[in-house]
Amino acid sequence: MTAHTDNAATVFAQPPTEPVEWPAEVWSTIDTALSWLLWCSIVACIVALMVCGAVLVNQRKSTGTQVVEDATVARIMLCAAVIGSASGIAQAVLA
């Protein structure tokens, strides 16, 4: 009896022999969510570039204290450009 249940447990513990394919309804929902996420990230990166550029201009023109260091703002702008580019590439790959 235990040998029979051990064999059954061994069979159930094996990975599937064929790749599991998702139904079209599931894949279309995931594809739509990823597409929206990518577009939102591109828009957020463009906004971040504009805001950081405005902060750099404001800090250069003002004679008071700086809110954020110029190097930090430059790093944020660089990261926003990289993330925005990666989002665009991912959007092209998903299409």
PDB file of N, CA and C in Angstrom:
ATOM      1  N   MET A   1       0.826  -1.189   0.000  1.00  0.00           N
ATOM      2  CA  MET A   1       0.000   0.000   0.000  1.00  0.00           C
ATOM      3  C   MET A   1       0.874   1.259   0.000  1.00  0.00           C
ATOM      4  N   THR A   2       1.899   1.300   0.820  1.00  0.00           N
ATOM      5  CA  THR A   2       2.747   2.490   0.867  1.00  0.00           C
ATOM      6  C   THR A   2       3.557   2.648  -0.414  1.00  0.00           C
ATOM      7  N   ALA A   3       3.960   1.536  -1.029  1.00  0.00           N
ATOM      8  CA  ALA A   3       4.702   1.630  -2.283  1.00  0.00           C
ATOM      9  C   ALA A   3       3.839   2.250  -3.369  1.00  0.00           C
ATOM     10  N   HIS A   4       2.562   1.894  -3.364  1.00  0.00           N
ATOM     11  CA  HIS A   4       1.646   2.446  -4.360  1.00  0.00           C
ATOM     12  C   HIS A   4       1.442   3.947  -4.140  1.00  0.00           C
ATOM     13  N   THR A   5       1.308   4.386  -2.900  1.00  0.00           N
ATOM     14  CA  THR A   5       1.134   5.817  -2.624  1.00  0.00           C
ATOM     15  C   THR A   5       2.432   6.582  -2.860  1.00  0.00           C
ATOM     16  N   ASP A   6       3.575   5.949  -2.606  1.00  0.00           N
ATOM     17  CA  ASP A   6       4.851   6.606  -2.891  1.00  0.00           C
ATOM     18  C   ASP A   6       5.009   6.852  -4.383  1.00  0.00           C
ATOM     19  N   ASN A   7       4.607   5.888  -5.204  1.00  0.00           N
ATOM     20  CA  ASN A   7       4.693   6.068  -6.654  1.00  0.00           C
ATOM     21  C   ASN A   7       3.757   7.180  -7.116  1.00  0.00           C
ATOM     22  N   ALA A   8       2.564   7.230  -6.535  1.00  0.00           N
ATOM     23  CA  ALA A   8       1.613   8.277  -6.904  1.00  0.00           C
ATOM     24  C   ALA A   8       2.155   9.650  -6.514  1.00  0.00           C
ATOM     25  N   ALA A   9       2.774   9.744  -5.346  1.00  0.00           N
ATOM     26  CA  ALA A   9       3.346  11.014  -4.915  1.00  0.00           C
ATOM     27  C   ALA A   9       4.505  11.408  -5.824  1.00  0.00           C
ATOM     28  N   THR A  10       5.263  10.443  -6.282  1.00  0.00           N
ATOM     29  CA  THR A  10       6.373  10.732  -7.181  1.00  0.00           C
ATOM     30  C   THR A  10       5.851  11.257  -8.512  1.00  0.00           C
ATOM     31  N   VAL A  11       4.799  10.664  -9.016  1.00  0.00           N
ATOM     32  CA  VAL A  11       4.230  11.113 -10.286  1.00  0.00           C
ATOM     33  C   VAL A  11       3.646  12.507 -10.144  1.00  0.00           C
ATOM     34  N   PHE A  12       2.954  12.781  -9.050  1.00  0.00           N
ATOM     35  CA  PHE A  12       2.360  14.093  -8.855  1.00  0.00           C
ATOM     36  C   PHE A  12       3.420  15.168  -8.636  1.00  0.00           C
ATOM     37  N   ALA A  13       4.585  14.802  -8.149  1.00  0.00           N
ATOM     38  CA  ALA A  13       5.625  15.775  -7.839  1.00  0.00           C
ATOM     39  C   ALA A  13       6.441  16.159  -9.068  1.00  0.00           C
ATOM     40  N   GLN A  14       6.263  15.483 -10.179  1.00  0.00           N
ATOM     41  CA  GLN A  14       7.034  15.771 -11.377  1.00  0.00           C
ATOM     42  C   GLN A  14       6.530  17.048 -12.049  1.00  0.00           C
ATOM     43  N   PRO A  15       7.439  17.787 -12.688  1.00  0.00           N
ATOM     44  CA  PRO A  15       6.989  18.977 -13.428  1.00  0.00           C
ATOM     45  C   PRO A  15       6.202  18.550 -14.666  1.00  0.00           C
ATOM     46  N   PRO A  16       5.388  19.432 -15.203  1.00  0.00           N
ATOM     47  CA  PRO A  16       4.618  19.063 -16.387  1.00  0.00           C
ATOM     48  C   PRO A  16       5.539  18.782 -17.577  1.00  0.00           C
ATOM     49  N   THR A  17       5.147  17.828 -18.390  1.00  0.00           N
ATOM     50  CA  THR A  17       5.979  17.456 -19.543  1.00  0.00           C
ATOM     51  C   THR A  17       5.800  18.422 -20.697  1.00  0.00           C
ATOM     52  N   GLU A  18       4.656  19.077 -20.787  1.00  0.00           N
ATOM     53  CA  GLU A  18       4.397  20.042 -21.846  1.00  0.00           C
ATOM     54  C   GLU A  18       4.344  21.441 -21.252  1.00  0.00           C
ATOM     55  N   PRO A  19       4.753  22.447 -22.008  1.00  0.00           N
ATOM     56  CA  PRO A  19       4.659  23.808 -21.471  1.00  0.00           C
ATOM     57  C   PRO A  19       3.205  24.195 -21.230  1.00  0.00           C
ATOM     58  N   VAL A  20       2.994  24.882 -20.138  1.00  0.00           N
ATOM     59  CA  VAL A  20       1.649  25.318 -19.782  1.00  0.00           C
ATOM     60  C   VAL A  20       1.379  26.631 -20.503  1.00  0.00           C
ATOM     61  N   GLU A  21       0.311  26.671 -21.270  1.00  0.00           N
ATOM     62  CA  GLU A  21      -0.045  27.889 -21.982  1.00  0.00           C
ATOM     63  C   GLU A  21      -1.235  28.541 -21.297  1.00  0.00           C
ATOM     64  N   TRP A  22      -1.146  29.856 -21.152  1.00  0.00           N
ATOM     65  CA  TRP A  22      -2.222  30.591 -20.520  1.00  0.00           C
ATOM     66  C   TRP A  22      -3.352  30.792 -21.514  1.00  0.00           C
ATOM     67  N   PRO A  23      -4.567  30.871 -21.014  1.00  0.00           N
ATOM     68  CA  PRO A  23      -5.690  31.181 -21.904  1.00  0.00           C
ATOM     69  C   PRO A  23      -5.548  32.596 -22.475  1.00  0.00           C
ATOM     70  N   ALA A  24      -6.186  32.821 -23.591  1.00  0.00           N
ATOM     71  CA  ALA A  24      -6.097  34.133 -24.252  1.00  0.00           C
ATOM     72  C   ALA A  24      -6.625  35.253 -23.361  1.00  0.00           C
ATOM     73  N   GLU A  25      -7.646  34.959 -22.547  1.00  0.00           N
ATOM     74  CA  GLU A  25      -8.203  35.990 -21.678  1.00  0.00           C
ATOM     75  C   GLU A  25      -7.182  36.458 -20.648  1.00  0.00           C
ATOM     76  N   VAL A  26      -6.432  35.521 -20.110  1.00  0.00           N
ATOM     77  CA  VAL A  26      -5.423  35.869 -19.103  1.00  0.00           C
ATOM     78  C   VAL A  26      -4.291  36.648 -19.753  1.00  0.00           C
ATOM     79  N   TRP A  27      -3.801  36.173 -20.890  1.00  0.00           N
ATOM     80  CA  TRP A  27      -2.669  36.821 -21.533  1.00  0.00           C
ATOM     81  C   TRP A  27      -3.038  38.222 -22.011  1.00  0.00           C
ATOM     82  N   SER A  28      -4.250  38.409 -22.537  1.00  0.00           N
ATOM     83  CA  SER A  28      -4.633  39.740 -23.008  1.00  0.00           C
ATOM     84  C   SER A  28      -4.721  40.727 -21.845  1.00  0.00           C
ATOM     85  N   THR A  29      -5.182  40.273 -20.686  1.00  0.00           N
ATOM     86  CA  THR A  29      -5.246  41.142 -19.506  1.00  0.00           C
ATOM     87  C   THR A  29      -3.841  41.534 -19.043  1.00  0.00           C
ATOM     88  N   ILE A  30      -2.938  40.575 -19.014  1.00  0.00           N
ATOM     89  CA  ILE A  30      -1.555  40.861 -18.611  1.00  0.00           C
ATOM     90  C   ILE A  30      -0.891  41.789 -19.619  1.00  0.00           C
ATOM     91  N   ASP A  31      -1.121  41.557 -20.892  1.00  0.00           N
ATOM     92  CA  ASP A  31      -0.547  42.396 -21.939  1.00  0.00           C
ATOM     93  C   ASP A  31      -1.058  43.832 -21.831  1.00  0.00           C
ATOM     94  N   THR A  32      -2.344  43.989 -21.566  1.00  0.00           N
ATOM     95  CA  THR A  32      -2.914  45.327 -21.401  1.00  0.00           C
ATOM     96  C   THR A  32      -2.335  46.027 -20.175  1.00  0.00           C
ATOM     97  N   ALA A  33      -2.204  45.296 -19.076  1.00  0.00           N
ATOM     98  CA  ALA A  33      -1.647  45.893 -17.848  1.00  0.00           C
ATOM     99  C   ALA A  33      -0.192  46.310 -18.059  1.00  0.00           C
ATOM    100  N   LEU A  34       0.594  45.466 -18.719  1.00  0.00           N
ATOM    101  CA  LEU A  34       1.997  45.823 -18.977  1.00  0.00           C
ATOM    102  C   LEU A  34       2.096  47.011 -19.922  1.00  0.00           C
ATOM    103  N   SER A  35       1.217  47.060 -20.902  1.00  0.00           N
ATOM    104  CA  SER A  35       1.231  48.183 -21.831  1.00  0.00           C
ATOM    105  C   SER A  35       0.923  49.495 -21.117  1.00  0.00           C
ATOM    106  N   TRP A  36      -0.088  49.489 -20.252  1.00  0.00           N
ATOM    107  CA  TRP A  36      -0.420  50.689 -19.472  1.00  0.00           C
ATOM    108  C   TRP A  36       0.720  51.073 -18.546  1.00  0.00           C
ATOM    109  N   LEU A  37       1.330  50.080 -17.909  1.00  0.00           N
ATOM    110  CA  LEU A  37       2.448  50.353 -17.005  1.00  0.00           C
ATOM    111  C   LEU A  37       3.620  50.981 -17.751  1.00  0.00           C
ATOM    112  N   LEU A  38       3.915  50.469 -18.938  1.00  0.00           N
ATOM    113  CA  LEU A  38       5.018  51.022 -19.716  1.00  0.00           C
ATOM    114  C   LEU A  38       4.731  52.456 -20.151  1.00  0.00           C
ATOM    115  N   TRP A  39       3.517  52.724 -20.598  1.00  0.00           N
ATOM    116  CA  TRP A  39       3.185  54.084 -20.997  1.00  0.00           C
ATOM    117  C   TRP A  39       3.236  55.033 -19.805  1.00  0.00           C
ATOM    118  N   CYS A  40       2.734  54.586 -18.674  1.00  0.00           N
ATOM    119  CA  CYS A  40       2.786  55.437 -17.467  1.00  0.00           C
ATOM    120  C   CYS A  40       4.222  55.708 -17.046  1.00  0.00           C
ATOM    121  N   SER A  41       5.086  54.713 -17.172  1.00  0.00           N
ATOM    122  CA  SER A  41       6.491  54.929 -16.790  1.00  0.00           C
ATOM    123  C   SER A  41       7.181  55.884 -17.754  1.00  0.00           C
ATOM    124  N   ILE A  42       6.844  55.820 -19.032  1.00  0.00           N
ATOM    125  CA  ILE A  42       7.426  56.767 -19.990  1.00  0.00           C
ATOM    126  C   ILE A  42       6.978  58.184 -19.665  1.00  0.00           C
ATOM    127  N   VAL A  43       5.689  58.360 -19.386  1.00  0.00           N
ATOM    128  CA  VAL A  43       5.168  59.689 -19.037  1.00  0.00           C
ATOM    129  C   VAL A  43       5.806  60.188 -17.741  1.00  0.00           C
ATOM    130  N   ALA A  44       5.937  59.302 -16.747  1.00  0.00           N
ATOM    131  CA  ALA A  44       6.551  59.700 -15.472  1.00  0.00           C
ATOM    132  C   ALA A  44       8.008  60.114 -15.677  1.00  0.00           C
ATOM    133  N   CYS A  45       8.724  59.428 -16.545  1.00  0.00           N
ATOM    134  CA  CYS A  45      10.124  59.796 -16.798  1.00  0.00           C
ATOM    135  C   CYS A  45      10.222  61.135 -17.517  1.00  0.00           C
ATOM    136  N   ILE A  46       9.318  61.397 -18.441  1.00  0.00           N
ATOM    137  CA  ILE A  46       9.325  62.693 -19.129  1.00  0.00           C
ATOM    138  C   ILE A  46       9.024  63.809 -18.132  1.00  0.00           C
ATOM    139  N   VAL A  47       8.050  63.585 -17.261  1.00  0.00           N
ATOM    140  CA  VAL A  47       7.728  64.586 -16.239  1.00  0.00           C
ATOM    141  C   VAL A  47       8.923  64.790 -15.303  1.00  0.00           C
ATOM    142  N   ALA A  48       9.587  63.692 -14.922  1.00  0.00           N
ATOM    143  CA  ALA A  48      10.752  63.809 -14.040  1.00  0.00           C
ATOM    144  C   ALA A  48      11.864  64.607 -14.706  1.00  0.00           C
ATOM    145  N   LEU A  49      12.081  64.396 -15.987  1.00  0.00           N
ATOM    146  CA  LEU A  49      13.103  65.177 -16.697  1.00  0.00           C
ATOM    147  C   LEU A  49      12.737  66.657 -16.715  1.00  0.00           C
ATOM    148  N   MET A  50      11.480  66.966 -16.956  1.00  0.00           N
ATOM    149  CA  MET A  50      11.059  68.362 -16.986  1.00  0.00           C
ATOM    150  C   MET A  50      11.182  69.019 -15.617  1.00  0.00           C
ATOM    151  N   VAL A  51      10.752  68.317 -14.579  1.00  0.00           N
ATOM    152  CA  VAL A  51      10.826  68.880 -13.220  1.00  0.00           C
ATOM    153  C   VAL A  51      12.279  69.070 -12.797  1.00  0.00           C
ATOM    154  N   CYS A  52      13.120  68.083 -13.064  1.00  0.00           N
ATOM    155  CA  CYS A  52      14.533  68.222 -12.681  1.00  0.00           C
ATOM    156  C   CYS A  52      15.214  69.336 -13.466  1.00  0.00           C
ATOM    157  N   GLY A  53      14.853  69.470 -14.743  1.00  0.00           N
ATOM    158  CA  GLY A  53      15.406  70.584 -15.520  1.00  0.00           C
ATOM    159  C   GLY A  53      14.971  71.922 -14.957  1.00  0.00           C
ATOM    160  N   ALA A  54      13.705  72.017 -14.554  1.00  0.00           N
ATOM    161  CA  ALA A  54      13.206  73.262 -13.957  1.00  0.00           C
ATOM    162  C   ALA A  54      13.900  73.551 -12.632  1.00  0.00           C
ATOM    163  N   VAL A  55      14.142  72.513 -11.847  1.00  0.00           N
ATOM    164  CA  VAL A  55      14.836  72.707 -10.563  1.00  0.00           C
ATOM    165  C   VAL A  55      16.267  73.184 -10.805  1.00  0.00           C
ATOM    166  N   LEU A  56      16.942  72.602 -11.791  1.00  0.00           N
ATOM    167  CA  LEU A  56      18.309  73.047 -12.101  1.00  0.00           C
ATOM    168  C   LEU A  56      18.324  74.514 -12.536  1.00  0.00           C
ATOM    169  N   VAL A  57      17.395  74.900 -13.392  1.00  0.00           N
ATOM    170  CA  VAL A  57      17.330  76.289 -13.851  1.00  0.00           C
ATOM    171  C   VAL A  57      17.026  77.212 -12.680  1.00  0.00           C
ATOM    172  N   ASN A  58      16.084  76.832 -11.835  1.00  0.00           N
ATOM    173  CA  ASN A  58      15.716  77.657 -10.684  1.00  0.00           C
ATOM    174  C   ASN A  58      16.887  77.811  -9.724  1.00  0.00           C
ATOM    175  N   GLN A  59      17.605  76.746  -9.481  1.00  0.00           N
ATOM    176  CA  GLN A  59      18.739  76.826  -8.549  1.00  0.00           C
ATOM    177  C   GLN A  59      19.883  77.646  -9.130  1.00  0.00           C
ATOM    178  N   ARG A  60      20.057  77.623 -10.430  1.00  0.00           N
ATOM    179  CA  ARG A  60      21.111  78.431 -11.052  1.00  0.00           C
ATOM    180  C   ARG A  60      20.767  79.918 -11.003  1.00  0.00           C
ATOM    181  N   LYS A  61      19.479  80.240 -11.148  1.00  0.00           N
ATOM    182  CA  LYS A  61      19.063  81.640 -11.166  1.00  0.00           C
ATOM    183  C   LYS A  61      18.953  82.236  -9.763  1.00  0.00           C
ATOM    184  N   SER A  62      18.562  81.434  -8.785  1.00  0.00           N
ATOM    185  CA  SER A  62      18.352  81.979  -7.446  1.00  0.00           C
ATOM    186  C   SER A  62      19.688  82.140  -6.736  1.00  0.00           C
ATOM    187  N   THR A  63      19.715  83.114  -5.828  1.00  0.00           N
ATOM    188  CA  THR A  63      20.944  83.362  -5.076  1.00  0.00           C
ATOM    189  C   THR A  63      20.858  82.782  -3.672  1.00  0.00           C
ATOM    190  N   GLY A  64      19.693  82.202  -3.332  1.00  0.00           N
ATOM    191  CA  GLY A  64      19.507  81.635  -1.997  1.00  0.00           C
ATOM    192  C   GLY A  64      20.117  80.245  -1.895  1.00  0.00           C
ATOM    193  N   THR A  65      19.702  79.542  -0.888  1.00  0.00           N
ATOM    194  CA  THR A  65      20.232  78.202  -0.668  1.00  0.00           C
ATOM    195  C   THR A  65      19.619  77.216  -1.658  1.00  0.00           C
ATOM    196  N   GLN A  66      20.370  76.182  -1.943  1.00  0.00           N
ATOM    197  CA  GLN A  66      19.889  75.159  -2.863  1.00  0.00           C
ATOM    198  C   GLN A  66      18.991  74.171  -2.121  1.00  0.00           C
ATOM    199  N   VAL A  67      17.910  73.774  -2.762  1.00  0.00           N
ATOM    200  CA  VAL A  67      17.015  72.787  -2.178  1.00  0.00           C
ATOM    201  C   VAL A  67      17.627  71.396  -2.320  1.00  0.00           C
ATOM    202  N   VAL A  68      18.145  71.118  -3.503  1.00  0.00           N
ATOM    203  CA  VAL A  68      18.770  69.833  -3.804  1.00  0.00           C
ATOM    204  C   VAL A  68      20.094  70.120  -4.482  1.00  0.00           C
ATOM    205  N   GLU A  69      21.099  69.295  -4.216  1.00  0.00           N
ATOM    206  CA  GLU A  69      22.386  69.493  -4.857  1.00  0.00           C
ATOM    207  C   GLU A  69      22.268  69.264  -6.355  1.00  0.00           C
ATOM    208  N   ASP A  70      23.069  69.999  -7.105  1.00  0.00           N
ATOM    209  CA  ASP A  70      23.030  69.878  -8.558  1.00  0.00           C
ATOM    210  C   ASP A  70      23.390  68.470  -9.017  1.00  0.00           C
ATOM    211  N   ALA A  71      24.334  67.838  -8.356  1.00  0.00           N
ATOM    212  CA  ALA A  71      24.747  66.486  -8.747  1.00  0.00           C
ATOM    213  C   ALA A  71      23.602  65.489  -8.537  1.00  0.00           C
ATOM    214  N   THR A  72      22.835  65.669  -7.481  1.00  0.00           N
ATOM    215  CA  THR A  72      21.704  64.775  -7.212  1.00  0.00           C
ATOM    216  C   THR A  72      20.638  64.941  -8.284  1.00  0.00           C
ATOM    217  N   VAL A  73      20.348  66.177  -8.647  1.00  0.00           N
ATOM    218  CA  VAL A  73      19.359  66.435  -9.684  1.00  0.00           C
ATOM    219  C   VAL A  73      19.845  65.867 -11.021  1.00  0.00           C
ATOM    220  N   ALA A  74      21.125  65.999 -11.308  1.00  0.00           N
ATOM    221  CA  ALA A  74      21.674  65.450 -12.553  1.00  0.00           C
ATOM    222  C   ALA A  74      21.568  63.928 -12.568  1.00  0.00           C
ATOM    223  N   ARG A  75      21.812  63.290 -11.420  1.00  0.00           N
ATOM    224  CA  ARG A  75      21.668  61.826 -11.350  1.00  0.00           C
ATOM    225  C   ARG A  75      20.222  61.406 -11.576  1.00  0.00           C
ATOM    226  N   ILE A  76      19.290  62.150 -10.991  1.00  0.00           N
ATOM    227  CA  ILE A  76      17.870  61.842 -11.175  1.00  0.00           C
ATOM    228  C   ILE A  76      17.501  61.977 -12.652  1.00  0.00           C
ATOM    229  N   MET A  77      18.001  63.015 -13.306  1.00  0.00           N
ATOM    230  CA  MET A  77      17.711  63.200 -14.725  1.00  0.00           C
ATOM    231  C   MET A  77      18.293  62.065 -15.562  1.00  0.00           C
ATOM    232  N   LEU A  78      19.500  61.644 -15.234  1.00  0.00           N
ATOM    233  CA  LEU A  78      20.123  60.538 -15.963  1.00  0.00           C
ATOM    234  C   LEU A  78      19.344  59.246 -15.769  1.00  0.00           C
ATOM    235  N   CYS A  79      18.955  58.978 -14.546  1.00  0.00           N
ATOM    236  CA  CYS A  79      18.174  57.759 -14.272  1.00  0.00           C
ATOM    237  C   CYS A  79      16.814  57.805 -14.959  1.00  0.00           C
ATOM    238  N   ALA A  80      16.176  58.961 -14.975  1.00  0.00           N
ATOM    239  CA  ALA A  80      14.878  59.088 -15.654  1.00  0.00           C
ATOM    240  C   ALA A  80      15.035  58.851 -17.149  1.00  0.00           C
ATOM    241  N   ALA A  81      16.124  59.329 -17.729  1.00  0.00           N
ATOM    242  CA  ALA A  81      16.361  59.098 -19.156  1.00  0.00           C
ATOM    243  C   ALA A  81      16.599  57.620 -19.443  1.00  0.00           C
ATOM    244  N   VAL A  82      17.362  56.956 -18.593  1.00  0.00           N
ATOM    245  CA  VAL A  82      17.632  55.521 -18.791  1.00  0.00           C
ATOM    246  C   VAL A  82      16.357  54.708 -18.634  1.00  0.00           C
ATOM    247  N   ILE A  83      15.578  54.996 -17.598  1.00  0.00           N
ATOM    248  CA  ILE A  83      14.336  54.249 -17.365  1.00  0.00           C
ATOM    249  C   ILE A  83      13.332  54.511 -18.486  1.00  0.00           C
ATOM    250  N   GLY A  84      13.241  55.747 -18.931  1.00  0.00           N
ATOM    251  CA  GLY A  84      12.344  56.067 -20.034  1.00  0.00           C
ATOM    252  C   GLY A  84      12.745  55.359 -21.316  1.00  0.00           C
ATOM    253  N   SER A  85      14.038  55.277 -21.573  1.00  0.00           N
ATOM    254  CA  SER A  85      14.514  54.554 -22.757  1.00  0.00           C
ATOM    255  C   SER A  85      14.226  53.074 -22.644  1.00  0.00           C
ATOM    256  N   ALA A  86      14.447  52.511 -21.472  1.00  0.00           N
ATOM    257  CA  ALA A  86      14.177  51.085 -21.278  1.00  0.00           C
ATOM    258  C   ALA A  86      12.690  50.795 -21.424  1.00  0.00           C
ATOM    259  N   SER A  87      11.855  51.703 -20.960  1.00  0.00           N
ATOM    260  CA  SER A  87      10.412  51.515 -21.107  1.00  0.00           C
ATOM    261  C   SER A  87      10.007  51.538 -22.569  1.00  0.00           C
ATOM    262  N   GLY A  88      10.599  52.430 -23.328  1.00  0.00           N
ATOM    263  CA  GLY A  88      10.306  52.493 -24.766  1.00  0.00           C
ATOM    264  C   GLY A  88      10.748  51.235 -25.490  1.00  0.00           C
ATOM    265  N   ILE A  89      11.910  50.722 -25.129  1.00  0.00           N
ATOM    266  CA  ILE A  89      12.396  49.492 -25.743  1.00  0.00           C
ATOM    267  C   ILE A  89      11.495  48.323 -25.382  1.00  0.00           C
ATOM    268  N   ALA A  90      11.079  48.258 -24.129  1.00  0.00           N
ATOM    269  CA  ALA A  90      10.181  47.174 -23.706  1.00  0.00           C
ATOM    270  C   ALA A  90       8.829  47.264 -24.421  1.00  0.00           C
ATOM    271  N   GLN A  91       8.346  48.478 -24.640  1.00  0.00           N
ATOM    272  CA  GLN A  91       7.086  48.659 -25.364  1.00  0.00           C
ATOM    273  C   GLN A  91       7.227  48.142 -26.794  1.00  0.00           C
ATOM    274  N   ALA A  92       8.365  48.419 -27.429  1.00  0.00           N
ATOM    275  CA  ALA A  92       8.579  47.942 -28.788  1.00  0.00           C
ATOM    276  C   ALA A  92       8.686  46.421 -28.840  1.00  0.00           C
ATOM    277  N   VAL A  93       9.278  45.827 -27.815  1.00  0.00           N
ATOM    278  CA  VAL A  93       9.418  44.370 -27.783  1.00  0.00           C
ATOM    279  C   VAL A  93       8.060  43.706 -27.572  1.00  0.00           C
ATOM    280  N   LEU A  94       7.209  44.296 -26.720  1.00  0.00           N
ATOM    281  CA  LEU A  94       5.892  43.726 -26.469  1.00  0.00           C
ATOM    282  C   LEU A  94       4.952  43.851 -27.664  1.00  0.00           C
ATOM    283  N   ALA A  95       5.183  44.843 -28.506  1.00  0.00           N
ATOM    284  CA  ALA A  95       4.268  45.068 -29.649  1.00  0.00           C
ATOM    285  C   ALA A  95       4.411  44.007 -30.712  1.00  0.00           C
TER     286      ALA A  95
END
